[in-house]
Amino acid sequence: MLYEGIKETENTRIQRDDETNDEIEMLYSFGVVLFEHTILESDEQVYSICYFEPGKVYDVVIENKIDKRVEQIISTDKLDTKLQSYYDLTKNESISDENGKTLKCMSHSVEYTL
């Protein structure tokens, strides 16, 4: 329920791919992006990499799928080369890690406000 004087804000999500890259850059230039999030999976791990635009910070969670436990949590203002290459993937793209295991991007979305 909305109260008088309070305007509802609608958040929208868009998948990043070659066709939406220009639109997403425009959203960043308008300052309406809230966060950008990518999820990658291998047979053994899940990587969740989220960039929180208002705070200019990346949060990375690495989970072990076999043991069902969190292996690592990282909060940083800049991704290292490996994590940046993971973050740059779009849905259905794959990359091999340093051990030759394949990680597949399951989702790469940007949420913004109107």
N, C-alpha and C. Protein backbone atom coordinates (compact mmCIF):
# COMPACT_ATOMS: atom_id res chain seq x y z
N MET A 1 0.84 -1.17 0.00
CA MET A 1 0.00 0.00 0.00
C MET A 1 0.89 1.24 0.00
N LEU A 2 0.54 2.19 -0.83
CA LEU A 2 1.31 3.43 -0.89
C LEU A 2 0.64 4.49 -0.04
N TYR A 3 1.45 5.24 0.66
CA TYR A 3 0.94 6.34 1.46
C TYR A 3 1.12 7.63 0.69
N GLU A 4 0.34 8.60 1.00
CA GLU A 4 0.41 9.89 0.32
C GLU A 4 1.82 10.46 0.44
N GLY A 5 2.37 10.92 -0.66
CA GLY A 5 3.69 11.52 -0.66
C GLY A 5 4.83 10.54 -0.88
N ILE A 6 4.53 9.25 -0.92
CA ILE A 6 5.57 8.26 -1.15
C ILE A 6 5.36 7.67 -2.54
N LYS A 7 6.39 7.75 -3.34
CA LYS A 7 6.32 7.23 -4.70
C LYS A 7 6.97 5.86 -4.73
N GLU A 8 6.30 4.89 -5.33
CA GLU A 8 6.86 3.56 -5.48
C GLU A 8 7.93 3.58 -6.57
N THR A 9 9.06 2.92 -6.30
CA THR A 9 10.13 2.81 -7.28
C THR A 9 10.12 1.40 -7.83
N GLU A 10 10.19 1.29 -9.13
CA GLU A 10 10.22 -0.02 -9.76
C GLU A 10 11.64 -0.36 -10.17
N ASN A 11 12.11 -1.53 -9.74
CA ASN A 11 13.42 -2.00 -10.15
C ASN A 11 13.25 -2.95 -11.32
N THR A 12 14.18 -2.92 -12.24
CA THR A 12 14.12 -3.73 -13.43
C THR A 12 15.44 -4.46 -13.58
N ARG A 13 15.39 -5.64 -14.14
CA ARG A 13 16.59 -6.45 -14.35
C ARG A 13 16.74 -6.76 -15.83
N ILE A 14 17.98 -6.73 -16.30
CA ILE A 14 18.29 -7.01 -17.69
C ILE A 14 19.49 -7.95 -17.73
N GLN A 15 19.47 -8.93 -18.63
CA GLN A 15 20.61 -9.84 -18.81
C GLN A 15 21.66 -9.15 -19.67
N ARG A 16 22.92 -9.26 -19.26
CA ARG A 16 24.02 -8.68 -20.05
C ARG A 16 24.37 -9.66 -21.16
N ASP A 17 24.43 -9.15 -22.38
CA ASP A 17 24.92 -9.91 -23.54
C ASP A 17 25.40 -8.90 -24.58
N ASP A 18 25.83 -9.38 -25.73
CA ASP A 18 26.37 -8.49 -26.76
C ASP A 18 25.34 -7.45 -27.21
N GLU A 19 24.06 -7.82 -27.21
CA GLU A 19 23.01 -6.92 -27.67
C GLU A 19 22.63 -5.86 -26.64
N THR A 20 22.88 -6.13 -25.35
CA THR A 20 22.45 -5.19 -24.30
C THR A 20 23.61 -4.38 -23.71
N ASN A 21 24.84 -4.64 -24.13
CA ASN A 21 26.00 -3.93 -23.55
C ASN A 21 25.88 -2.42 -23.66
N ASP A 22 25.48 -1.90 -24.82
CA ASP A 22 25.36 -0.44 -24.98
C ASP A 22 24.27 0.12 -24.07
N GLU A 23 23.16 -0.59 -23.96
CA GLU A 23 22.06 -0.14 -23.09
C GLU A 23 22.52 -0.11 -21.63
N ILE A 24 23.27 -1.11 -21.23
CA ILE A 24 23.76 -1.18 -19.85
C ILE A 24 24.75 -0.05 -19.57
N GLU A 25 25.63 0.24 -20.51
CA GLU A 25 26.56 1.36 -20.33
C GLU A 25 25.80 2.68 -20.20
N MET A 26 24.71 2.82 -20.94
CA MET A 26 23.88 4.02 -20.83
C MET A 26 23.24 4.11 -19.44
N LEU A 27 22.77 2.96 -18.92
CA LEU A 27 22.18 2.94 -17.57
C LEU A 27 23.22 3.36 -16.53
N TYR A 28 24.46 2.88 -16.67
CA TYR A 28 25.52 3.30 -15.76
C TYR A 28 25.74 4.80 -15.86
N SER A 29 25.74 5.34 -17.08
CA SER A 29 26.00 6.79 -17.26
C SER A 29 24.89 7.64 -16.66
N PHE A 30 23.66 7.09 -16.61
CA PHE A 30 22.54 7.81 -15.99
C PHE A 30 22.51 7.63 -14.47
N GLY A 31 23.35 6.77 -13.93
CA GLY A 31 23.42 6.57 -12.49
C GLY A 31 22.25 5.80 -11.91
N VAL A 32 21.62 4.93 -12.70
CA VAL A 32 20.44 4.20 -12.22
C VAL A 32 20.71 2.73 -11.90
N VAL A 33 21.95 2.27 -12.12
CA VAL A 33 22.28 0.87 -11.85
C VAL A 33 22.44 0.68 -10.34
N LEU A 34 21.78 -0.36 -9.82
CA LEU A 34 21.91 -0.71 -8.41
C LEU A 34 23.01 -1.75 -8.23
N PHE A 35 22.93 -2.84 -8.99
CA PHE A 35 23.98 -3.85 -8.92
C PHE A 35 24.04 -4.67 -10.19
N GLU A 36 25.18 -5.32 -10.36
CA GLU A 36 25.40 -6.23 -11.47
C GLU A 36 25.87 -7.55 -10.86
N HIS A 37 25.29 -8.65 -11.30
CA HIS A 37 25.52 -9.93 -10.63
C HIS A 37 25.72 -11.04 -11.65
N THR A 38 26.75 -11.84 -11.45
CA THR A 38 26.97 -13.00 -12.30
C THR A 38 27.15 -14.24 -11.43
N ILE A 39 26.65 -15.36 -11.95
CA ILE A 39 26.77 -16.65 -11.27
C ILE A 39 27.42 -17.64 -12.23
N LEU A 40 28.49 -18.28 -11.76
CA LEU A 40 29.20 -19.28 -12.56
C LEU A 40 29.20 -20.59 -11.79
N GLU A 41 29.12 -21.68 -12.53
CA GLU A 41 29.13 -23.00 -11.89
C GLU A 41 30.07 -23.94 -12.61
N SER A 42 30.74 -24.77 -11.81
CA SER A 42 31.49 -25.92 -12.33
C SER A 42 30.88 -27.15 -11.66
N ASP A 43 31.46 -28.30 -11.88
CA ASP A 43 30.95 -29.50 -11.23
C ASP A 43 31.12 -29.43 -9.72
N GLU A 44 32.12 -28.65 -9.27
CA GLU A 44 32.46 -28.63 -7.85
C GLU A 44 32.16 -27.32 -7.14
N GLN A 45 32.07 -26.20 -7.87
CA GLN A 45 31.95 -24.90 -7.22
C GLN A 45 30.89 -24.01 -7.87
N VAL A 46 30.45 -23.04 -7.08
CA VAL A 46 29.60 -21.95 -7.57
C VAL A 46 30.27 -20.65 -7.18
N TYR A 47 30.43 -19.75 -8.15
CA TYR A 47 30.94 -18.40 -7.91
C TYR A 47 29.78 -17.43 -8.07
N SER A 48 29.58 -16.59 -7.08
CA SER A 48 28.63 -15.49 -7.16
C SER A 48 29.44 -14.20 -7.04
N ILE A 49 29.40 -13.39 -8.10
CA ILE A 49 30.16 -12.14 -8.11
C ILE A 49 29.17 -11.01 -8.32
N CYS A 50 29.06 -10.14 -7.33
CA CYS A 50 28.09 -9.05 -7.38
C CYS A 50 28.81 -7.72 -7.22
N TYR A 51 28.54 -6.79 -8.15
CA TYR A 51 29.08 -5.43 -8.04
C TYR A 51 27.96 -4.53 -7.57
N PHE A 52 28.14 -3.92 -6.41
CA PHE A 52 27.16 -2.99 -5.84
C PHE A 52 27.57 -1.58 -6.24
N GLU A 53 26.89 -1.03 -7.24
CA GLU A 53 27.27 0.25 -7.85
C GLU A 53 27.30 1.41 -6.85
N PRO A 54 26.25 1.60 -6.01
CA PRO A 54 26.31 2.76 -5.10
C PRO A 54 27.52 2.74 -4.15
N GLY A 55 27.97 1.56 -3.76
CA GLY A 55 29.12 1.46 -2.87
C GLY A 55 30.43 1.21 -3.59
N LYS A 56 30.36 1.01 -4.91
CA LYS A 56 31.56 0.74 -5.73
C LYS A 56 32.36 -0.43 -5.15
N VAL A 57 31.66 -1.53 -4.81
CA VAL A 57 32.31 -2.67 -4.19
C VAL A 57 31.81 -3.97 -4.83
N TYR A 58 32.73 -4.93 -4.92
CA TYR A 58 32.42 -6.27 -5.41
C TYR A 58 32.33 -7.21 -4.21
N ASP A 59 31.32 -8.04 -4.18
CA ASP A 59 31.21 -9.11 -3.19
C ASP A 59 31.26 -10.43 -3.94
N VAL A 60 32.18 -11.29 -3.53
CA VAL A 60 32.37 -12.58 -4.18
C VAL A 60 32.15 -13.67 -3.14
N VAL A 61 31.31 -14.65 -3.49
CA VAL A 61 31.09 -15.80 -2.62
C VAL A 61 31.42 -17.04 -3.46
N ILE A 62 32.30 -17.88 -2.92
CA ILE A 62 32.67 -19.12 -3.59
C ILE A 62 32.18 -20.26 -2.72
N GLU A 63 31.30 -21.08 -3.31
CA GLU A 63 30.70 -22.19 -2.57
C GLU A 63 31.20 -23.52 -3.12
N ASN A 64 31.38 -24.49 -2.24
CA ASN A 64 31.71 -25.85 -2.62
C ASN A 64 30.39 -26.61 -2.76
N LYS A 65 30.08 -27.05 -3.99
CA LYS A 65 28.81 -27.75 -4.25
C LYS A 65 28.80 -29.14 -3.62
N ILE A 66 29.94 -29.78 -3.54
CA ILE A 66 30.01 -31.15 -3.03
C ILE A 66 29.78 -31.17 -1.52
N ASP A 67 30.51 -30.31 -0.80
CA ASP A 67 30.39 -30.26 0.67
C ASP A 67 29.29 -29.33 1.14
N LYS A 68 28.69 -28.60 0.20
CA LYS A 68 27.62 -27.64 0.51
C LYS A 68 28.06 -26.65 1.60
N ARG A 69 29.22 -26.01 1.33
CA ARG A 69 29.73 -25.04 2.29
C ARG A 69 30.36 -23.86 1.54
N VAL A 70 30.42 -22.74 2.22
CA VAL A 70 31.07 -21.56 1.66
C VAL A 70 32.58 -21.71 1.84
N GLU A 71 33.31 -21.60 0.74
CA GLU A 71 34.77 -21.70 0.80
C GLU A 71 35.43 -20.36 1.06
N GLN A 72 34.85 -19.31 0.46
CA GLN A 72 35.50 -18.01 0.57
C GLN A 72 34.48 -16.90 0.34
N ILE A 73 34.66 -15.81 1.08
CA ILE A 73 33.88 -14.58 0.88
C ILE A 73 34.89 -13.45 0.74
N ILE A 74 34.73 -12.69 -0.34
CA ILE A 74 35.66 -11.59 -0.62
C ILE A 74 34.85 -10.33 -0.84
N SER A 75 35.27 -9.25 -0.25
CA SER A 75 34.69 -7.93 -0.51
C SER A 75 35.84 -7.02 -0.91
N THR A 76 35.76 -6.43 -2.12
CA THR A 76 36.88 -5.66 -2.64
C THR A 76 36.39 -4.56 -3.58
N ASP A 77 37.21 -3.54 -3.76
CA ASP A 77 36.84 -2.48 -4.70
C ASP A 77 37.39 -2.75 -6.10
N LYS A 78 38.21 -3.82 -6.24
CA LYS A 78 38.75 -4.19 -7.56
C LYS A 78 38.97 -5.69 -7.60
N LEU A 79 38.50 -6.33 -8.67
CA LEU A 79 38.67 -7.77 -8.84
C LEU A 79 40.07 -8.08 -9.36
N ASP A 80 40.64 -9.21 -8.93
CA ASP A 80 41.91 -9.64 -9.51
C ASP A 80 41.65 -10.13 -10.94
N THR A 81 42.70 -10.43 -11.66
CA THR A 81 42.59 -10.79 -13.07
C THR A 81 41.69 -12.00 -13.29
N LYS A 82 41.85 -13.03 -12.47
CA LYS A 82 41.05 -14.25 -12.61
C LYS A 82 39.57 -13.96 -12.39
N LEU A 83 39.24 -13.30 -11.28
CA LEU A 83 37.83 -13.01 -10.99
C LEU A 83 37.24 -12.05 -12.02
N GLN A 84 38.03 -11.11 -12.52
CA GLN A 84 37.53 -10.20 -13.54
C GLN A 84 37.17 -10.97 -14.81
N SER A 85 37.99 -11.95 -15.18
CA SER A 85 37.68 -12.75 -16.37
C SER A 85 36.40 -13.56 -16.17
N TYR A 86 36.13 -14.01 -14.95
CA TYR A 86 34.88 -14.71 -14.65
C TYR A 86 33.71 -13.74 -14.73
N TYR A 87 33.89 -12.56 -14.14
CA TYR A 87 32.83 -11.55 -14.08
C TYR A 87 32.44 -11.05 -15.48
N ASP A 88 33.38 -11.04 -16.40
CA ASP A 88 33.13 -10.52 -17.74
C ASP A 88 32.32 -11.47 -18.63
N LEU A 89 32.10 -12.69 -18.19
CA LEU A 89 31.33 -13.64 -18.98
C LEU A 89 29.85 -13.28 -19.01
N THR A 90 29.20 -13.66 -20.09
CA THR A 90 27.75 -13.50 -20.18
C THR A 90 27.11 -14.89 -20.15
N LYS A 91 25.80 -14.92 -19.97
CA LYS A 91 25.07 -16.18 -19.81
C LYS A 91 25.44 -17.18 -20.90
N ASN A 92 25.71 -18.40 -20.45
CA ASN A 92 26.05 -19.56 -21.29
C ASN A 92 27.49 -19.57 -21.80
N GLU A 93 28.29 -18.54 -21.52
CA GLU A 93 29.71 -18.59 -21.87
C GLU A 93 30.45 -19.43 -20.83
N SER A 94 31.57 -20.02 -21.24
CA SER A 94 32.36 -20.86 -20.34
C SER A 94 33.82 -20.41 -20.36
N ILE A 95 34.51 -20.79 -19.28
CA ILE A 95 35.94 -20.49 -19.15
C ILE A 95 36.56 -21.63 -18.34
N SER A 96 37.84 -21.90 -18.58
CA SER A 96 38.55 -22.90 -17.80
C SER A 96 39.37 -22.22 -16.71
N ASP A 97 39.36 -22.82 -15.51
CA ASP A 97 40.16 -22.25 -14.43
C ASP A 97 41.60 -22.75 -14.52
N GLU A 98 42.42 -22.39 -13.55
CA GLU A 98 43.85 -22.75 -13.57
C GLU A 98 44.07 -24.26 -13.45
N ASN A 99 43.04 -25.00 -13.01
CA ASN A 99 43.14 -26.46 -12.89
C ASN A 99 42.51 -27.19 -14.08
N GLY A 100 42.08 -26.42 -15.08
CA GLY A 100 41.47 -27.02 -16.26
C GLY A 100 39.99 -27.36 -16.11
N LYS A 101 39.39 -26.96 -15.00
CA LYS A 101 37.96 -27.21 -14.79
C LYS A 101 37.16 -26.10 -15.47
N THR A 102 36.06 -26.49 -16.09
CA THR A 102 35.24 -25.54 -16.82
C THR A 102 34.18 -24.91 -15.92
N LEU A 103 34.12 -23.58 -15.96
CA LEU A 103 33.08 -22.83 -15.26
C LEU A 103 32.14 -22.27 -16.33
N LYS A 104 30.84 -22.42 -16.11
CA LYS A 104 29.85 -21.90 -17.05
C LYS A 104 29.07 -20.77 -16.38
N CYS A 105 28.89 -19.68 -17.11
CA CYS A 105 28.10 -18.56 -16.61
C CYS A 105 26.62 -18.91 -16.73
N MET A 106 25.96 -18.99 -15.61
CA MET A 106 24.53 -19.34 -15.58
C MET A 106 23.64 -18.11 -15.72
N SER A 107 24.17 -16.96 -15.28
CA SER A 107 23.40 -15.72 -15.34
C SER A 107 24.34 -14.54 -15.18
N HIS A 108 24.05 -13.46 -15.89
CA HIS A 108 24.78 -12.20 -15.70
C HIS A 108 23.74 -11.09 -15.90
N SER A 109 23.29 -10.54 -14.80
CA SER A 109 22.20 -9.57 -14.87
C SER A 109 22.59 -8.24 -14.22
N VAL A 110 21.89 -7.21 -14.64
CA VAL A 110 22.06 -5.87 -14.10
C VAL A 110 20.69 -5.42 -13.61
N GLU A 111 20.64 -4.97 -12.37
CA GLU A 111 19.38 -4.43 -11.83
C GLU A 111 19.51 -2.92 -11.72
N TYR A 112 18.48 -2.25 -12.18
CA TYR A 112 18.50 -0.79 -12.15
C TYR A 112 17.12 -0.28 -11.73
N THR A 113 17.07 0.97 -11.37
CA THR A 113 15.84 1.58 -10.90
C THR A 113 15.33 2.57 -11.93
N LEU A 114 14.03 2.69 -12.01
CA LEU A 114 13.42 3.65 -12.94
C LEU A 114 12.97 4.89 -12.20
